[in-house]
């Protein structure tokens, strides 16, 4: 049970990362907001990754571990870099007013 749950959480967070990236490049929008469908899967994927880390599920094979790390850090990067208040601050500093 633990091994199946471990693999499911790792792969699910990675799938949400890929889904978020796919929605961004395909320019899918809900309620005229492309940002909503780009940001929501990343938040869900990050939540799943944090839940997996909170449960301290370890000792999986190397591919699943790598997929889990990519899913966690990818979703974390999207959530941090594209969270609107933070994005406006660093976007203004880098790209100018």
PDB file of N, CA and C in Angstrom:
ATOM      1  N   UNK A   1       0.817  -1.196   0.000  1.00  0.00           N
ATOM      2  CA  UNK A   1       0.000   0.000   0.000  1.00  0.00           C
ATOM      3  C   UNK A   1       0.862   1.260   0.000  1.00  0.00           C
ATOM      4  N   UNK A   2       1.898   1.278   0.826  1.00  0.00           N
ATOM      5  CA  UNK A   2       2.761   2.448   0.913  1.00  0.00           C
ATOM      6  C   UNK A   2       3.533   2.709  -0.361  1.00  0.00           C
ATOM      7  N   UNK A   3       4.018   1.637  -1.016  1.00  0.00           N
ATOM      8  CA  UNK A   3       4.771   1.801  -2.243  1.00  0.00           C
ATOM      9  C   UNK A   3       3.887   2.333  -3.363  1.00  0.00           C
ATOM     10  N   UNK A   4       2.665   1.845  -3.470  1.00  0.00           N
ATOM     11  CA  UNK A   4       1.736   2.322  -4.497  1.00  0.00           C
ATOM     12  C   UNK A   4       1.359   3.772  -4.247  1.00  0.00           C
ATOM     13  N   UNK A   5       1.122   4.131  -3.002  1.00  0.00           N
ATOM     14  CA  UNK A   5       0.790   5.504  -2.643  1.00  0.00           C
ATOM     15  C   UNK A   5       1.949   6.439  -2.941  1.00  0.00           C
ATOM     16  N   UNK A   6       3.143   5.996  -2.668  1.00  0.00           N
ATOM     17  CA  UNK A   6       4.354   6.767  -2.933  1.00  0.00           C
ATOM     18  C   UNK A   6       4.500   7.069  -4.415  1.00  0.00           C
ATOM     19  N   UNK A   7       4.378   6.041  -5.235  1.00  0.00           N
ATOM     20  CA  UNK A   7       4.510   6.224  -6.678  1.00  0.00           C
ATOM     21  C   UNK A   7       3.394   7.091  -7.233  1.00  0.00           C
ATOM     22  N   UNK A   8       2.194   6.922  -6.711  1.00  0.00           N
ATOM     23  CA  UNK A   8       1.060   7.711  -7.180  1.00  0.00           C
ATOM     24  C   UNK A   8       1.271   9.187  -6.900  1.00  0.00           C
ATOM     25  N   UNK A   9       1.710   9.540  -5.700  1.00  0.00           N
ATOM     26  CA  UNK A   9       1.942  10.942  -5.356  1.00  0.00           C
ATOM     27  C   UNK A   9       3.050  11.549  -6.218  1.00  0.00           C
ATOM     28  N   UNK A  10       4.132  10.817  -6.421  1.00  0.00           N
ATOM     29  CA  UNK A  10       5.227  11.340  -7.237  1.00  0.00           C
ATOM     30  C   UNK A  10       4.791  11.576  -8.673  1.00  0.00           C
ATOM     31  N   UNK A  11       4.158  10.589  -9.260  1.00  0.00           N
ATOM     32  CA  UNK A  11       3.747  10.722 -10.657  1.00  0.00           C
ATOM     33  C   UNK A  11       2.621  11.731 -10.822  1.00  0.00           C
ATOM     34  N   UNK A  12       1.738  11.829  -9.856  1.00  0.00           N
ATOM     35  CA  UNK A  12       0.644  12.781  -9.942  1.00  0.00           C
ATOM     36  C   UNK A  12       1.149  14.217  -9.888  1.00  0.00           C
ATOM     37  N   UNK A  13       2.125  14.491  -9.052  1.00  0.00           N
ATOM     38  CA  UNK A  13       2.686  15.849  -9.007  1.00  0.00           C
ATOM     39  C   UNK A  13       3.398  16.182 -10.315  1.00  0.00           C
ATOM     40  N   UNK A  14       4.063  15.212 -10.912  1.00  0.00           N
ATOM     41  CA  UNK A  14       4.724  15.427 -12.192  1.00  0.00           C
ATOM     42  C   UNK A  14       3.701  15.649 -13.314  1.00  0.00           C
ATOM     43  N   UNK A  15       2.605  14.915 -13.286  1.00  0.00           N
ATOM     44  CA  UNK A  15       1.550  15.078 -14.295  1.00  0.00           C
ATOM     45  C   UNK A  15       0.925  16.467 -14.187  1.00  0.00           C
ATOM     46  N   UNK A  16       0.718  16.957 -12.971  1.00  0.00           N
ATOM     47  CA  UNK A  16       0.174  18.300 -12.810  1.00  0.00           C
ATOM     48  C   UNK A  16       1.153  19.361 -13.307  1.00  0.00           C
ATOM     49  N   UNK A  17       2.444  19.135 -13.151  1.00  0.00           N
ATOM     50  CA  UNK A  17       3.440  20.057 -13.699  1.00  0.00           C
ATOM     51  C   UNK A  17       3.360  20.074 -15.220  1.00  0.00           C
ATOM     52  N   UNK A  18       3.306  18.899 -15.832  1.00  0.00           N
ATOM     53  CA  UNK A  18       3.198  18.834 -17.291  1.00  0.00           C
ATOM     54  C   UNK A  18       1.897  19.438 -17.790  1.00  0.00           C
ATOM     55  N   UNK A  19       0.819  19.218 -17.051  1.00  0.00           N
ATOM     56  CA  UNK A  19      -0.472  19.785 -17.413  1.00  0.00           C
ATOM     57  C   UNK A  19      -0.434  21.308 -17.356  1.00  0.00           C
ATOM     58  N   UNK A  20       0.209  21.849 -16.372  1.00  0.00           N
ATOM     59  CA  UNK A  20       0.342  23.294 -16.249  1.00  0.00           C
ATOM     60  C   UNK A  20       1.148  23.873 -17.411  1.00  0.00           C
ATOM     61  N   UNK A  21       2.241  23.230 -17.745  1.00  0.00           N
ATOM     62  CA  UNK A  21       3.062  23.690 -18.861  1.00  0.00           C
ATOM     63  C   UNK A  21       2.308  23.561 -20.184  1.00  0.00           C
ATOM     64  N   UNK A  22       1.568  22.480 -20.358  1.00  0.00           N
ATOM     65  CA  UNK A  22       0.771  22.295 -21.570  1.00  0.00           C
ATOM     66  C   UNK A  22      -0.300  23.382 -21.703  1.00  0.00           C
ATOM     67  N   UNK A  23      -0.983  23.701 -20.608  1.00  0.00           N
ATOM     68  CA  UNK A  23      -1.998  24.751 -20.658  1.00  0.00           C
ATOM     69  C   UNK A  23      -1.386  26.105 -20.979  1.00  0.00           C
ATOM     70  N   UNK A  24      -0.183  26.343 -20.508  1.00  0.00           N
ATOM     71  CA  UNK A  24       0.474  27.619 -20.783  1.00  0.00           C
ATOM     72  C   UNK A  24       0.796  27.771 -22.272  1.00  0.00           C
ATOM     73  N   UNK A  25       1.358  26.738 -22.866  1.00  0.00           N
ATOM     74  CA  UNK A  25       1.742  26.838 -24.271  1.00  0.00           C
ATOM     75  C   UNK A  25       0.566  26.705 -25.230  1.00  0.00           C
ATOM     76  N   UNK A  26      -0.508  26.049 -24.819  1.00  0.00           N
ATOM     77  CA  UNK A  26      -1.669  25.915 -25.700  1.00  0.00           C
ATOM     78  C   UNK A  26      -2.645  27.080 -25.538  1.00  0.00           C
ATOM     79  N   UNK A  27      -2.376  27.979 -24.597  1.00  0.00           N
ATOM     80  CA  UNK A  27      -3.162  29.186 -24.351  1.00  0.00           C
ATOM     81  C   UNK A  27      -4.636  28.886 -24.102  1.00  0.00           C
ATOM     82  N   UNK A  28      -4.895  27.878 -23.275  1.00  0.00           N
ATOM     83  CA  UNK A  28      -6.250  27.550 -22.853  1.00  0.00           C
ATOM     84  C   UNK A  28      -6.662  28.570 -21.797  1.00  0.00           C
ATOM     85  N   UNK A  29      -7.906  29.030 -21.849  1.00  0.00           N
ATOM     86  CA  UNK A  29      -8.355  30.001 -20.859  1.00  0.00           C
ATOM     87  C   UNK A  29      -9.728  29.619 -20.312  1.00  0.00           C
ATOM     88  N   UNK A  30      -9.929  29.931 -19.055  1.00  0.00           N
ATOM     89  CA  UNK A  30     -11.219  29.773 -18.387  1.00  0.00           C
ATOM     90  C   UNK A  30     -11.582  31.138 -17.827  1.00  0.00           C
ATOM     91  N   UNK A  31     -12.784  31.590 -18.096  1.00  0.00           N
ATOM     92  CA  UNK A  31     -13.243  32.914 -17.673  1.00  0.00           C
ATOM     93  C   UNK A  31     -12.287  34.000 -18.179  1.00  0.00           C
ATOM     94  N   UNK A  32     -11.798  33.856 -19.414  1.00  0.00           N
ATOM     95  CA  UNK A  32     -10.859  34.793 -20.036  1.00  0.00           C
ATOM     96  C   UNK A  32      -9.577  34.974 -19.239  1.00  0.00           C
ATOM     97  N   UNK A  33      -9.175  33.945 -18.523  1.00  0.00           N
ATOM     98  CA  UNK A  33      -7.939  34.008 -17.752  1.00  0.00           C
ATOM     99  C   UNK A  33      -7.077  32.800 -18.092  1.00  0.00           C
ATOM    100  N   UNK A  34      -5.996  33.042 -18.804  1.00  0.00           N
ATOM    101  CA  UNK A  34      -5.030  31.974 -19.083  1.00  0.00           C
ATOM    102  C   UNK A  34      -4.228  31.643 -17.835  1.00  0.00           C
ATOM    103  N   UNK A  35      -4.143  32.603 -16.945  1.00  0.00           N
ATOM    104  CA  UNK A  35      -3.365  32.438 -15.728  1.00  0.00           C
ATOM    105  C   UNK A  35      -3.985  31.408 -14.791  1.00  0.00           C
ATOM    106  N   UNK A  36      -5.307  31.341 -14.775  1.00  0.00           N
ATOM    107  CA  UNK A  36      -6.000  30.432 -13.869  1.00  0.00           C
ATOM    108  C   UNK A  36      -5.691  28.974 -14.190  1.00  0.00           C
ATOM    109  N   UNK A  37      -5.737  28.600 -15.455  1.00  0.00           N
ATOM    110  CA  UNK A  37      -5.473  27.203 -15.813  1.00  0.00           C
ATOM    111  C   UNK A  37      -3.987  26.888 -15.810  1.00  0.00           C
ATOM    112  N   UNK A  38      -3.145  27.890 -15.820  1.00  0.00           N
ATOM    113  CA  UNK A  38      -1.704  27.667 -15.713  1.00  0.00           C
ATOM    114  C   UNK A  38      -1.290  27.506 -14.254  1.00  0.00           C
ATOM    115  N   UNK A  39      -1.881  28.298 -13.384  1.00  0.00           N
ATOM    116  CA  UNK A  39      -1.466  28.346 -11.993  1.00  0.00           C
ATOM    117  C   UNK A  39      -2.130  27.266 -11.134  1.00  0.00           C
ATOM    118  N   UNK A  40      -3.385  26.954 -11.403  1.00  0.00           N
ATOM    119  CA  UNK A  40      -4.137  25.999 -10.573  1.00  0.00           C
ATOM    120  C   UNK A  40      -3.530  24.591 -10.558  1.00  0.00           C
ATOM    121  N   UNK A  41      -3.165  23.995 -11.704  1.00  0.00           N
ATOM    122  CA  UNK A  41      -2.539  22.662 -11.624  1.00  0.00           C
ATOM    123  C   UNK A  41      -1.212  22.667 -10.873  1.00  0.00           C
ATOM    124  N   UNK A  42      -0.478  23.759 -10.932  1.00  0.00           N
ATOM    125  CA  UNK A  42       0.787  23.834 -10.198  1.00  0.00           C
ATOM    126  C   UNK A  42       0.554  23.878  -8.694  1.00  0.00           C
ATOM    127  N   UNK A  43      -0.467  24.596  -8.265  1.00  0.00           N
ATOM    128  CA  UNK A  43      -0.780  24.652  -6.840  1.00  0.00           C
ATOM    129  C   UNK A  43      -1.227  23.277  -6.354  1.00  0.00           C
ATOM    130  N   UNK A  44      -2.060  22.594  -7.135  1.00  0.00           N
ATOM    131  CA  UNK A  44      -2.514  21.254  -6.754  1.00  0.00           C
ATOM    132  C   UNK A  44      -1.330  20.279  -6.733  1.00  0.00           C
ATOM    133  N   UNK A  45      -0.457  20.354  -7.734  1.00  0.00           N
ATOM    134  CA  UNK A  45       0.721  19.491  -7.776  1.00  0.00           C
ATOM    135  C   UNK A  45       1.667  19.753  -6.617  1.00  0.00           C
ATOM    136  N   UNK A  46       1.825  21.012  -6.249  1.00  0.00           N
ATOM    137  CA  UNK A  46       2.673  21.345  -5.105  1.00  0.00           C
ATOM    138  C   UNK A  46       2.054  20.824  -3.812  1.00  0.00           C
ATOM    139  N   UNK A  47       0.749  20.939  -3.684  1.00  0.00           N
ATOM    140  CA  UNK A  47       0.066  20.417  -2.502  1.00  0.00           C
ATOM    141  C   UNK A  47       0.251  18.902  -2.389  1.00  0.00           C
ATOM    142  N   UNK A  48       0.139  18.197  -3.499  1.00  0.00           N
ATOM    143  CA  UNK A  48       0.324  16.739  -3.496  1.00  0.00           C
ATOM    144  C   UNK A  48       1.767  16.393  -3.129  1.00  0.00           C
ATOM    145  N   UNK A  49       2.716  17.132  -3.660  1.00  0.00           N
ATOM    146  CA  UNK A  49       4.124  16.887  -3.340  1.00  0.00           C
ATOM    147  C   UNK A  49       4.418  17.144  -1.862  1.00  0.00           C
ATOM    148  N   UNK A  50       3.857  18.223  -1.338  1.00  0.00           N
ATOM    149  CA  UNK A  50       4.063  18.519   0.079  1.00  0.00           C
ATOM    150  C   UNK A  50       3.397  17.478   0.962  1.00  0.00           C
ATOM    151  N   UNK A  51       2.256  16.979   0.542  1.00  0.00           N
ATOM    152  CA  UNK A  51       1.584  15.920   1.291  1.00  0.00           C
ATOM    153  C   UNK A  51       2.441  14.661   1.313  1.00  0.00           C
ATOM    154  N   UNK A  52       3.043  14.335   0.191  1.00  0.00           N
ATOM    155  CA  UNK A  52       3.923  13.168   0.105  1.00  0.00           C
ATOM    156  C   UNK A  52       5.142  13.343   1.006  1.00  0.00           C
ATOM    157  N   UNK A  53       5.721  14.553   0.996  1.00  0.00           N
ATOM    158  CA  UNK A  53       6.886  14.810   1.842  1.00  0.00           C
ATOM    159  C   UNK A  53       6.512  14.822   3.314  1.00  0.00           C
ATOM    160  N   UNK A  54       5.313  15.273   3.624  1.00  0.00           N
ATOM    161  CA  UNK A  54       4.846  15.301   5.014  1.00  0.00           C
ATOM    162  C   UNK A  54       4.669  13.889   5.567  1.00  0.00           C
ATOM    163  N   UNK A  55       4.242  12.972   4.714  1.00  0.00           N
ATOM    164  CA  UNK A  55       4.038  11.591   5.143  1.00  0.00           C
ATOM    165  C   UNK A  55       5.348  10.827   5.243  1.00  0.00           C
ATOM    166  N   UNK A  56       6.442  11.440   4.775  1.00  0.00           N
ATOM    167  CA  UNK A  56       7.781  10.851   4.826  1.00  0.00           C
ATOM    168  C   UNK A  56       7.833   9.475   4.170  1.00  0.00           C
ATOM    169  N   UNK A  57       7.256   9.415   2.981  1.00  0.00           N
ATOM    170  CA  UNK A  57       7.305   8.173   2.214  1.00  0.00           C
ATOM    171  C   UNK A  57       8.614   8.147   1.438  1.00  0.00           C
ATOM    172  N   UNK A  58       9.457   7.167   1.700  1.00  0.00           N
ATOM    173  CA  UNK A  58      10.771   7.098   1.056  1.00  0.00           C
ATOM    174  C   UNK A  58      10.996   5.703   0.495  1.00  0.00           C
ATOM    175  N   UNK A  59      12.203   5.465   0.054  1.00  0.00           N
ATOM    176  CA  UNK A  59      12.693   4.202  -0.488  1.00  0.00           C
ATOM    177  C   UNK A  59      11.929   3.744  -1.728  1.00  0.00           C
ATOM    178  N   UNK A  60      11.895   4.582  -2.739  1.00  0.00           N
ATOM    179  CA  UNK A  60      11.338   4.166  -4.012  1.00  0.00           C
ATOM    180  C   UNK A  60      12.474   4.052  -5.023  1.00  0.00           C
ATOM    181  N   UNK A  61      12.168   3.557  -6.205  1.00  0.00           N
ATOM    182  CA  UNK A  61      13.210   3.398  -7.211  1.00  0.00           C
ATOM    183  C   UNK A  61      13.662   4.771  -7.716  1.00  0.00           C
ATOM    184  N   UNK A  62      14.767   4.775  -8.441  1.00  0.00           N
ATOM    185  CA  UNK A  62      15.399   6.034  -8.823  1.00  0.00           C
ATOM    186  C   UNK A  62      14.555   6.849  -9.806  1.00  0.00           C
ATOM    187  N   UNK A  63      13.836   6.203 -10.712  1.00  0.00           N
ATOM    188  CA  UNK A  63      13.023   6.938 -11.682  1.00  0.00           C
ATOM    189  C   UNK A  63      11.878   7.655 -10.965  1.00  0.00           C
ATOM    190  N   UNK A  64      11.219   6.968 -10.071  1.00  0.00           N
ATOM    191  CA  UNK A  64      10.115   7.577  -9.336  1.00  0.00           C
ATOM    192  C   UNK A  64      10.616   8.699  -8.443  1.00  0.00           C
ATOM    193  N   UNK A  65      11.767   8.542  -7.835  1.00  0.00           N
ATOM    194  CA  UNK A  65      12.348   9.583  -6.996  1.00  0.00           C
ATOM    195  C   UNK A  65      12.685  10.815  -7.833  1.00  0.00           C
ATOM    196  N   UNK A  66      13.263  10.613  -9.020  1.00  0.00           N
ATOM    197  CA  UNK A  66      13.601  11.722  -9.899  1.00  0.00           C
ATOM    198  C   UNK A  66      12.341  12.440 -10.382  1.00  0.00           C
ATOM    199  N   UNK A  67      11.319  11.687 -10.764  1.00  0.00           N
ATOM    200  CA  UNK A  67      10.059  12.280 -11.209  1.00  0.00           C
ATOM    201  C   UNK A  67       9.419  13.071 -10.073  1.00  0.00           C
ATOM    202  N   UNK A  68       9.486  12.559  -8.861  1.00  0.00           N
ATOM    203  CA  UNK A  68       8.940  13.268  -7.706  1.00  0.00           C
ATOM    204  C   UNK A  68       9.666  14.568  -7.430  1.00  0.00           C
ATOM    205  N   UNK A  69      10.991  14.554  -7.546  1.00  0.00           N
ATOM    206  CA  UNK A  69      11.759  15.777  -7.330  1.00  0.00           C
ATOM    207  C   UNK A  69      11.492  16.809  -8.417  1.00  0.00           C
ATOM    208  N   UNK A  70      11.416  16.369  -9.660  1.00  0.00           N
ATOM    209  CA  UNK A  70      11.106  17.292 -10.753  1.00  0.00           C
ATOM    210  C   UNK A  70       9.715  17.883 -10.559  1.00  0.00           C
ATOM    211  N   UNK A  71       8.765  17.054 -10.172  1.00  0.00           N
ATOM    212  CA  UNK A  71       7.412  17.539  -9.927  1.00  0.00           C
ATOM    213  C   UNK A  71       7.353  18.537  -8.790  1.00  0.00           C
ATOM    214  N   UNK A  72       8.046  18.240  -7.699  1.00  0.00           N
ATOM    215  CA  UNK A  72       8.026  19.141  -6.548  1.00  0.00           C
ATOM    216  C   UNK A  72       8.699  20.468  -6.864  1.00  0.00           C
ATOM    217  N   UNK A  73       9.933  20.423  -7.354  1.00  0.00           N
ATOM    218  CA  UNK A  73      10.661  21.666  -7.600  1.00  0.00           C
ATOM    219  C   UNK A  73      10.093  22.450  -8.776  1.00  0.00           C
ATOM    220  N   UNK A  74       9.560  21.772  -9.771  1.00  0.00           N
ATOM    221  CA  UNK A  74       8.929  22.466 -10.891  1.00  0.00           C
ATOM    222  C   UNK A  74       7.670  23.192 -10.466  1.00  0.00           C
ATOM    223  N   UNK A  75       6.816  22.510  -9.715  1.00  0.00           N
ATOM    224  CA  UNK A  75       5.602  23.155  -9.216  1.00  0.00           C
ATOM    225  C   UNK A  75       5.927  24.280  -8.241  1.00  0.00           C
ATOM    226  N   UNK A  76       6.938  24.073  -7.411  1.00  0.00           N
ATOM    227  CA  UNK A  76       7.351  25.115  -6.470  1.00  0.00           C
ATOM    228  C   UNK A  76       7.853  26.348  -7.214  1.00  0.00           C
ATOM    229  N   UNK A  77       8.631  26.141  -8.260  1.00  0.00           N
ATOM    230  CA  UNK A  77       9.141  27.276  -9.045  1.00  0.00           C
ATOM    231  C   UNK A  77       8.006  28.039  -9.711  1.00  0.00           C
ATOM    232  N   UNK A  78       7.036  27.335 -10.263  1.00  0.00           N
ATOM    233  CA  UNK A  78       5.911  28.013 -10.908  1.00  0.00           C
ATOM    234  C   UNK A  78       5.096  28.788  -9.886  1.00  0.00           C
ATOM    235  N   UNK A  79       4.860  28.195  -8.744  1.00  0.00           N
ATOM    236  CA  UNK A  79       4.068  28.877  -7.719  1.00  0.00           C
ATOM    237  C   UNK A  79       4.795  30.109  -7.199  1.00  0.00           C
ATOM    238  N   UNK A  80       6.087  30.022  -6.979  1.00  0.00           N
ATOM    239  CA  UNK A  80       6.827  31.175  -6.468  1.00  0.00           C
ATOM    240  C   UNK A  80       7.016  32.236  -7.543  1.00  0.00           C
ATOM    241  N   UNK A  81       7.432  31.841  -8.724  1.00  0.00           N
ATOM    242  CA  UNK A  81       7.738  32.822  -9.755  1.00  0.00           C
ATOM    243  C   UNK A  81       6.506  33.499 -10.336  1.00  0.00           C
ATOM    244  N   UNK A  82       5.391  32.816 -10.387  1.00  0.00           N
ATOM    245  CA  UNK A  82       4.225  33.382 -11.043  1.00  0.00           C
ATOM    246  C   UNK A  82       3.080  33.708 -10.094  1.00  0.00           C
ATOM    247  N   UNK A  83       3.330  33.733  -8.783  1.00  0.00           N
ATOM    248  CA  UNK A  83       2.337  34.213  -7.831  1.00  0.00           C
ATOM    249  C   UNK A  83       2.225  35.714  -8.035  1.00  0.00           C
ATOM    250  N   UNK A  84       1.001  36.210  -8.277  1.00  0.00           N
ATOM    251  CA  UNK A  84       0.824  37.578  -8.756  1.00  0.00           C
ATOM    252  C   UNK A  84       1.519  38.669  -7.953  1.00  0.00           C
ATOM    253  N   UNK A  85       1.402  38.728  -6.633  1.00  0.00           N
ATOM    254  CA  UNK A  85       2.106  39.816  -5.930  1.00  0.00           C
ATOM    255  C   UNK A  85       3.626  39.732  -6.089  1.00  0.00           C
ATOM    256  N   UNK A  86       4.170  38.546  -6.015  1.00  0.00           N
ATOM    257  CA  UNK A  86       5.618  38.389  -6.184  1.00  0.00           C
ATOM    258  C   UNK A  86       6.017  38.663  -7.629  1.00  0.00           C
ATOM    259  N   UNK A  87       5.205  38.208  -8.576  1.00  0.00           N
ATOM    260  CA  UNK A  87       5.501  38.404  -9.993  1.00  0.00           C
ATOM    261  C   UNK A  87       5.538  39.891 -10.348  1.00  0.00           C
ATOM    262  N   UNK A  88       4.629  40.669  -9.800  1.00  0.00           N
ATOM    263  CA  UNK A  88       4.620  42.100 -10.100  1.00  0.00           C
ATOM    264  C   UNK A  88       5.843  42.803  -9.521  1.00  0.00           C
ATOM    265  N   UNK A  89       6.296  42.352  -8.373  1.00  0.00           N
ATOM    266  CA  UNK A  89       7.473  42.983  -7.771  1.00  0.00           C
ATOM    267  C   UNK A  89       8.725  42.662  -8.569  1.00  0.00           C
ATOM    268  N   UNK A  90       9.027  41.372  -8.793  1.00  0.00           N
ATOM    269  CA  UNK A  90      10.275  41.056  -9.484  1.00  0.00           C
ATOM    270  C   UNK A  90      10.160  41.327 -10.972  1.00  0.00           C
ATOM    271  N   UNK A  91       8.947  41.260 -11.531  1.00  0.00           N
ATOM    272  CA  UNK A  91       8.780  41.609 -12.938  1.00  0.00           C
ATOM    273  C   UNK A  91       9.025  43.069 -13.191  1.00  0.00           C
ATOM    274  N   UNK A  92       8.627  43.909 -12.262  1.00  0.00           N
ATOM    275  CA  UNK A  92       8.875  45.343 -12.398  1.00  0.00           C
ATOM    276  C   UNK A  92      10.355  45.667 -12.221  1.00  0.00           C
ATOM    277  N   UNK A  93      11.011  44.964 -11.293  1.00  0.00           N
ATOM    278  CA  UNK A  93      12.432  45.229 -11.078  1.00  0.00           C
ATOM    279  C   UNK A  93      13.279  44.805 -12.267  1.00  0.00           C
ATOM    280  N   UNK A  94      12.940  43.677 -12.884  1.00  0.00           N
ATOM    281  CA  UNK A  94      13.750  43.178 -13.992  1.00  0.00           C
ATOM    282  C   UNK A  94      13.370  43.841 -15.323  1.00  0.00           C
ATOM    283  N   UNK A  95      12.075  43.910 -15.604  1.00  0.00           N
ATOM    284  CA  UNK A  95      11.621  44.391 -16.904  1.00  0.00           C
ATOM    285  C   UNK A  95      11.374  45.887 -16.939  1.00  0.00           C
ATOM    286  N   UNK A  96      11.397  46.544 -15.810  1.00  0.00           N
ATOM    287  CA  UNK A  96      11.198  47.981 -15.768  1.00  0.00           C
ATOM    288  C   UNK A  96       9.729  48.354 -15.604  1.00  0.00           C
ATOM    289  N   UNK A  97       9.454  49.602 -15.288  1.00  0.00           N
ATOM    290  CA  UNK A  97       8.068  50.039 -15.043  1.00  0.00           C
ATOM    291  C   UNK A  97       7.229  50.116 -16.297  1.00  0.00           C
TER     292      UNK A  97
END
